[in-house]
């Protein structure tokens, strides 16, 4: 018989933390945002926050993933050109917002922290690239892009 220890994780606490972090990283410079302030803003204890994300960079990566995926839209019935234009504008808007400071700060920190570099690549860059790859494949399937296109470019 497996017996769980402690209380089960609260999805409500997870959501509150992410929402608070999204707001704070958007409104304040990355270096001025603290885990303690995020916990306070979310209405959770620091222990609850640190149980889920061991440090600010790991939480920041999660926030970037959520923001990027929220801004990306499904291919749908629009042309590949219109779809790509929408997603590029969303990326531009993200890079012109305070989230650019988060991205630059994470890249800077990852120069000395190999585990953060791997996390940033695996959790943020790869999923964003996978969306672009899937969109390109769909455009090829639809005949909007030639199958001979250099996908790596």
C-alpha atoms as a PDB file:
ATOM      1  CA  UNK A   1       0.000   0.000   0.000  1.00  0.00           C
ATOM      2  CA  UNK A   2       1.463   3.319  -1.110  1.00  0.00           C
ATOM      3  CA  UNK A   3       0.863   6.111   1.309  1.00  0.00           C
ATOM      4  CA  UNK A   4       1.415   9.686   0.179  1.00  0.00           C
ATOM      5  CA  UNK A   5       3.118  12.041   2.560  1.00  0.00           C
ATOM      6  CA  UNK A   6       1.841  15.564   3.102  1.00  0.00           C
ATOM      7  CA  UNK A   7      -0.869  17.459   1.349  1.00  0.00           C
ATOM      8  CA  UNK A   8      -1.404  17.083  -2.393  1.00  0.00           C
ATOM      9  CA  UNK A   9      -0.169  19.969  -4.530  1.00  0.00           C
ATOM     10  CA  UNK A  10      -2.712  22.671  -5.106  1.00  0.00           C
ATOM     11  CA  UNK A  11      -3.355  23.633  -8.726  1.00  0.00           C
ATOM     12  CA  UNK A  12      -4.822  26.846  -7.356  1.00  0.00           C
ATOM     13  CA  UNK A  13      -1.483  27.695  -5.693  1.00  0.00           C
ATOM     14  CA  UNK A  14       0.409  26.852  -8.910  1.00  0.00           C
ATOM     15  CA  UNK A  15      -1.889  29.114 -10.929  1.00  0.00           C
ATOM     16  CA  UNK A  16      -1.632  31.959  -8.401  1.00  0.00           C
ATOM     17  CA  UNK A  17       2.179  31.761  -8.463  1.00  0.00           C
ATOM     18  CA  UNK A  18       2.351  31.785 -12.257  1.00  0.00           C
ATOM     19  CA  UNK A  19      -0.139  34.668 -12.510  1.00  0.00           C
ATOM     20  CA  UNK A  20       1.807  36.703  -9.951  1.00  0.00           C
ATOM     21  CA  UNK A  21       5.116  35.976 -11.679  1.00  0.00           C
ATOM     22  CA  UNK A  22       3.702  36.890 -15.107  1.00  0.00           C
ATOM     23  CA  UNK A  23       2.514  40.253 -13.725  1.00  0.00           C
ATOM     24  CA  UNK A  24       5.697  40.992 -11.827  1.00  0.00           C
ATOM     25  CA  UNK A  25       8.112  40.055 -14.620  1.00  0.00           C
ATOM     26  CA  UNK A  26       6.061  42.211 -16.987  1.00  0.00           C
ATOM     27  CA  UNK A  27       5.950  45.246 -14.694  1.00  0.00           C
ATOM     28  CA  UNK A  28       9.378  45.214 -13.062  1.00  0.00           C
ATOM     29  CA  UNK A  29      12.974  44.643 -14.158  1.00  0.00           C
ATOM     30  CA  UNK A  30      13.986  41.008 -13.753  1.00  0.00           C
ATOM     31  CA  UNK A  31      16.709  41.767 -11.223  1.00  0.00           C
ATOM     32  CA  UNK A  32      14.235  43.621  -8.991  1.00  0.00           C
ATOM     33  CA  UNK A  33      11.740  40.748  -8.809  1.00  0.00           C
ATOM     34  CA  UNK A  34      12.275  38.463  -5.836  1.00  0.00           C
ATOM     35  CA  UNK A  35      10.850  35.061  -5.079  1.00  0.00           C
ATOM     36  CA  UNK A  36       9.608  36.430  -1.765  1.00  0.00           C
ATOM     37  CA  UNK A  37       7.651  39.189  -3.532  1.00  0.00           C
ATOM     38  CA  UNK A  38       6.153  36.657  -5.947  1.00  0.00           C
ATOM     39  CA  UNK A  39       5.064  34.447  -3.043  1.00  0.00           C
ATOM     40  CA  UNK A  40       3.520  37.420  -1.280  1.00  0.00           C
ATOM     41  CA  UNK A  41       1.736  38.601  -4.447  1.00  0.00           C
ATOM     42  CA  UNK A  42       0.436  35.045  -5.036  1.00  0.00           C
ATOM     43  CA  UNK A  43      -0.749  34.677  -1.458  1.00  0.00           C
ATOM     44  CA  UNK A  44       1.350  31.563  -0.816  1.00  0.00           C
ATOM     45  CA  UNK A  45       4.195  30.787   1.522  1.00  0.00           C
ATOM     46  CA  UNK A  46       7.803  30.893   0.347  1.00  0.00           C
ATOM     47  CA  UNK A  47       7.980  27.155   1.073  1.00  0.00           C
ATOM     48  CA  UNK A  48       5.068  26.526  -1.309  1.00  0.00           C
ATOM     49  CA  UNK A  49       6.791  28.551  -4.015  1.00  0.00           C
ATOM     50  CA  UNK A  50      10.215  26.968  -3.554  1.00  0.00           C
ATOM     51  CA  UNK A  51       8.710  23.447  -3.538  1.00  0.00           C
ATOM     52  CA  UNK A  52       7.505  24.066  -7.082  1.00  0.00           C
ATOM     53  CA  UNK A  53      10.320  26.229  -8.470  1.00  0.00           C
ATOM     54  CA  UNK A  54      13.678  26.018  -6.696  1.00  0.00           C
ATOM     55  CA  UNK A  55      14.828  29.462  -7.873  1.00  0.00           C
ATOM     56  CA  UNK A  56      13.838  32.546  -9.830  1.00  0.00           C
ATOM     57  CA  UNK A  57      15.370  31.446 -13.165  1.00  0.00           C
ATOM     58  CA  UNK A  58      13.354  28.208 -13.256  1.00  0.00           C
ATOM     59  CA  UNK A  59      10.157  30.151 -12.553  1.00  0.00           C
ATOM     60  CA  UNK A  60      11.103  32.758 -15.170  1.00  0.00           C
ATOM     61  CA  UNK A  61      11.530  30.037 -17.804  1.00  0.00           C
ATOM     62  CA  UNK A  62       8.053  28.716 -16.952  1.00  0.00           C
ATOM     63  CA  UNK A  63       6.623  32.228 -17.304  1.00  0.00           C
ATOM     64  CA  UNK A  64       8.279  32.722 -20.702  1.00  0.00           C
ATOM     65  CA  UNK A  65       6.913  29.407 -21.933  1.00  0.00           C
ATOM     66  CA  UNK A  66       3.389  30.320 -20.828  1.00  0.00           C
ATOM     67  CA  UNK A  67       3.569  33.796 -22.369  1.00  0.00           C
ATOM     68  CA  UNK A  68       5.042  32.556 -25.659  1.00  0.00           C
ATOM     69  CA  UNK A  69       2.538  29.729 -26.013  1.00  0.00           C
ATOM     70  CA  UNK A  70      -0.342  32.021 -25.098  1.00  0.00           C
ATOM     71  CA  UNK A  71       0.664  34.469 -27.833  1.00  0.00           C
ATOM     72  CA  UNK A  72       1.063  31.745 -30.453  1.00  0.00           C
ATOM     73  CA  UNK A  73      -2.126  30.796 -32.211  1.00  0.00           C
ATOM     74  CA  UNK A  74      -3.131  27.627 -33.999  1.00  0.00           C
ATOM     75  CA  UNK A  75      -2.664  27.545 -37.755  1.00  0.00           C
ATOM     76  CA  UNK A  76      -6.370  27.239 -38.531  1.00  0.00           C
ATOM     77  CA  UNK A  77      -7.806  28.337 -41.840  1.00  0.00           C
ATOM     78  CA  UNK A  78      -5.630  31.408 -42.474  1.00  0.00           C
ATOM     79  CA  UNK A  79      -2.787  31.381 -44.975  1.00  0.00           C
ATOM     80  CA  UNK A  80       0.690  30.450 -43.805  1.00  0.00           C
ATOM     81  CA  UNK A  81       1.820  33.984 -44.601  1.00  0.00           C
ATOM     82  CA  UNK A  82      -0.878  35.528 -42.364  1.00  0.00           C
ATOM     83  CA  UNK A  83      -0.261  32.972 -39.624  1.00  0.00           C
ATOM     84  CA  UNK A  84       3.506  33.556 -39.703  1.00  0.00           C
ATOM     85  CA  UNK A  85       2.983  37.319 -39.706  1.00  0.00           C
ATOM     86  CA  UNK A  86       0.728  37.090 -36.628  1.00  0.00           C
ATOM     87  CA  UNK A  87       3.227  34.929 -34.726  1.00  0.00           C
ATOM     88  CA  UNK A  88       6.190  37.123 -35.702  1.00  0.00           C
ATOM     89  CA  UNK A  89       4.313  40.209 -34.501  1.00  0.00           C
ATOM     90  CA  UNK A  90       3.545  38.438 -31.215  1.00  0.00           C
ATOM     91  CA  UNK A  91       7.239  37.560 -30.852  1.00  0.00           C
ATOM     92  CA  UNK A  92       8.224  41.150 -31.660  1.00  0.00           C
ATOM     93  CA  UNK A  93       5.773  42.429 -29.041  1.00  0.00           C
ATOM     94  CA  UNK A  94       7.197  40.021 -26.479  1.00  0.00           C
ATOM     95  CA  UNK A  95      10.748  41.131 -27.287  1.00  0.00           C
ATOM     96  CA  UNK A  96       9.749  44.791 -26.967  1.00  0.00           C
ATOM     97  CA  UNK A  97       8.147  44.242 -23.576  1.00  0.00           C
ATOM     98  CA  UNK A  98       9.684  43.685 -20.144  1.00  0.00           C
ATOM     99  CA  UNK A  99       9.897  40.003 -21.008  1.00  0.00           C
ATOM    100  CA  UNK A 100      12.928  40.891 -23.152  1.00  0.00           C
ATOM    101  CA  UNK A 101      14.696  41.774 -19.897  1.00  0.00           C
ATOM    102  CA  UNK A 102      13.773  38.351 -18.532  1.00  0.00           C
ATOM    103  CA  UNK A 103      15.111  36.611 -21.652  1.00  0.00           C
ATOM    104  CA  UNK A 104      18.369  38.597 -21.669  1.00  0.00           C
ATOM    105  CA  UNK A 105      18.860  38.016 -17.936  1.00  0.00           C
ATOM    106  CA  UNK A 106      18.281  34.273 -18.300  1.00  0.00           C
ATOM    107  CA  UNK A 107      20.696  34.063 -21.216  1.00  0.00           C
ATOM    108  CA  UNK A 108      23.297  35.971 -19.187  1.00  0.00           C
ATOM    109  CA  UNK A 109      22.807  33.700 -16.155  1.00  0.00           C
ATOM    110  CA  UNK A 110      22.936  30.591 -18.338  1.00  0.00           C
ATOM    111  CA  UNK A 111      26.481  31.463 -19.444  1.00  0.00           C
ATOM    112  CA  UNK A 112      27.654  30.330 -16.010  1.00  0.00           C
ATOM    113  CA  UNK A 113      24.912  27.857 -15.137  1.00  0.00           C
ATOM    114  CA  UNK A 114      24.807  24.867 -17.467  1.00  0.00           C
ATOM    115  CA  UNK A 115      21.667  23.409 -15.910  1.00  0.00           C
ATOM    116  CA  UNK A 116      19.837  26.712 -16.496  1.00  0.00           C
ATOM    117  CA  UNK A 117      21.098  26.742 -20.091  1.00  0.00           C
ATOM    118  CA  UNK A 118      19.719  23.244 -20.634  1.00  0.00           C
ATOM    119  CA  UNK A 119      16.416  24.164 -18.957  1.00  0.00           C
ATOM    120  CA  UNK A 120      16.041  27.335 -21.067  1.00  0.00           C
ATOM    121  CA  UNK A 121      16.774  25.392 -24.248  1.00  0.00           C
ATOM    122  CA  UNK A 122      14.559  22.391 -23.439  1.00  0.00           C
ATOM    123  CA  UNK A 123      11.609  24.212 -21.874  1.00  0.00           C
ATOM    124  CA  UNK A 124      11.516  27.451 -23.895  1.00  0.00           C
ATOM    125  CA  UNK A 125      13.509  27.394 -27.126  1.00  0.00           C
ATOM    126  CA  UNK A 126      12.720  23.833 -28.247  1.00  0.00           C
ATOM    127  CA  UNK A 127       8.927  24.120 -27.780  1.00  0.00           C
ATOM    128  CA  UNK A 128       8.841  27.458 -29.618  1.00  0.00           C
ATOM    129  CA  UNK A 129      10.922  25.979 -32.427  1.00  0.00           C
ATOM    130  CA  UNK A 130       8.681  22.893 -32.533  1.00  0.00           C
ATOM    131  CA  UNK A 131       5.645  25.120 -33.115  1.00  0.00           C
ATOM    132  CA  UNK A 132       7.413  26.825 -36.015  1.00  0.00           C
ATOM    133  CA  UNK A 133       8.480  23.474 -37.455  1.00  0.00           C
ATOM    134  CA  UNK A 134       4.930  22.105 -37.234  1.00  0.00           C
ATOM    135  CA  UNK A 135       3.543  25.229 -38.896  1.00  0.00           C
ATOM    136  CA  UNK A 136       6.078  24.962 -41.725  1.00  0.00           C
ATOM    137  CA  UNK A 137       5.232  21.291 -42.249  1.00  0.00           C
ATOM    138  CA  UNK A 138       1.529  22.179 -42.390  1.00  0.00           C
ATOM    139  CA  UNK A 139       2.240  24.895 -44.980  1.00  0.00           C
ATOM    140  CA  UNK A 140       4.177  22.344 -47.056  1.00  0.00           C
ATOM    141  CA  UNK A 141       1.300  19.846 -46.715  1.00  0.00           C
ATOM    142  CA  UNK A 142      -1.149  22.513 -47.904  1.00  0.00           C
ATOM    143  CA  UNK A 143       1.079  23.378 -50.856  1.00  0.00           C
ATOM    144  CA  UNK A 144       1.706  26.958 -49.690  1.00  0.00           C
ATOM    145  CA  UNK A 145       5.451  26.294 -49.387  1.00  0.00           C
ATOM    146  CA  UNK A 146       7.529  24.085 -51.647  1.00  0.00           C
ATOM    147  CA  UNK A 147       8.659  20.782 -50.171  1.00  0.00           C
ATOM    148  CA  UNK A 148      12.232  21.640 -51.195  1.00  0.00           C
ATOM    149  CA  UNK A 149      12.436  24.519 -48.716  1.00  0.00           C
ATOM    150  CA  UNK A 150      15.449  24.452 -46.400  1.00  0.00           C
ATOM    151  CA  UNK A 151      13.669  23.746 -43.110  1.00  0.00           C
ATOM    152  CA  UNK A 152      16.792  24.389 -41.048  1.00  0.00           C
ATOM    153  CA  UNK A 153      17.053  27.907 -42.437  1.00  0.00           C
END
